[in-house]
Amino acid sequence: MTRIAVDLQGGDLGSPPFVYGILETLERQPDIQVVLLGDALENPIPEKFAHRIEFIQTTEVVDSRES
């Protein structure tokens, strides 16, 4: 099983485009698990994917000038 981590805090449009793409991927690829990193989910995860998605709440933001 392949595990992919996705940072939900990096987009100008918020997390919905990321989550939409993730759900599409999970629908097509049954051997993928996803770890979502962010401060909050804007929409709940559909129940059929709940066992393949882990959400880790993060509050710290690293600015690009800090890297």
Protein backbone atom coordinates (compact mmCIF):
# COMPACT_ATOMS: atom_id res chain seq x y z
CA MET A 1 0.00 0.00 0.00
CA THR A 2 1.37 3.42 -0.98
CA ARG A 3 1.02 6.24 1.56
CA ILE A 4 0.94 9.88 0.41
CA ALA A 5 1.09 12.98 2.64
CA VAL A 6 -0.66 16.15 1.45
CA ASP A 7 -0.23 19.63 2.96
CA LEU A 8 -3.65 21.30 2.86
CA GLN A 9 -2.41 24.74 3.90
CA GLY A 10 -0.46 25.64 0.76
CA GLY A 11 -3.11 26.65 -1.77
CA ASP A 12 -4.65 29.99 -2.64
CA LEU A 13 -8.09 28.38 -2.92
CA GLY A 14 -7.99 26.52 0.40
CA SER A 15 -8.25 22.78 0.83
CA PRO A 16 -11.26 21.89 -1.42
CA PRO A 17 -9.23 21.49 -4.67
CA PHE A 18 -6.73 19.26 -2.86
CA VAL A 19 -9.45 17.14 -1.28
CA TYR A 20 -11.32 16.83 -4.59
CA GLY A 21 -8.16 15.51 -6.28
CA ILE A 22 -7.44 13.16 -3.39
CA LEU A 23 -10.95 11.68 -3.50
CA GLU A 24 -10.67 11.19 -7.28
CA THR A 25 -7.35 9.41 -6.78
CA LEU A 26 -8.73 7.17 -4.03
CA GLU A 27 -11.65 6.25 -6.27
CA ARG A 28 -9.29 5.14 -9.05
CA GLN A 29 -6.41 3.70 -7.01
CA PRO A 30 -7.51 1.21 -4.32
CA ASP A 31 -3.92 0.69 -3.10
CA ILE A 32 -3.33 4.27 -1.85
CA GLN A 33 -3.67 5.72 1.65
CA VAL A 34 -3.50 9.47 2.28
CA VAL A 35 -2.32 11.50 5.26
CA LEU A 36 -3.78 15.01 5.26
CA LEU A 37 -1.90 17.74 7.14
CA GLY A 38 -3.59 21.03 7.98
CA ASP A 39 -5.42 23.15 10.49
CA ALA A 40 -8.94 21.92 9.63
CA LEU A 41 -10.94 20.12 6.99
CA GLU A 42 -13.57 22.30 5.34
CA ASN A 43 -15.73 19.31 4.37
CA PRO A 44 -16.11 15.87 5.92
CA ILE A 45 -14.44 12.88 4.27
CA PRO A 46 -16.93 10.47 2.65
CA GLU A 47 -17.41 7.39 4.83
CA LYS A 48 -16.29 4.98 2.10
CA PHE A 49 -12.78 6.52 2.19
CA ALA A 50 -12.50 7.10 5.96
CA HIS A 51 -10.37 3.96 6.49
CA ARG A 52 -7.84 5.17 3.87
CA ILE A 53 -7.46 8.77 5.05
CA GLU A 54 -5.70 10.00 8.17
CA PHE A 55 -5.95 13.66 9.21
CA ILE A 56 -3.20 15.23 11.31
CA GLN A 57 -4.06 18.66 12.64
CA THR A 58 -1.21 21.13 12.42
CA THR A 59 -1.09 24.71 13.62
CA GLU A 60 2.46 25.80 12.92
CA VAL A 61 3.22 27.50 9.61
CA VAL A 62 6.72 27.69 8.18
CA ASP A 63 7.19 30.74 5.96
CA SER A 64 9.24 30.27 2.80
CA ARG A 65 11.83 32.69 4.18
CA GLU A 66 12.37 30.33 7.15
CA SER A 67 13.40 27.27 5.16
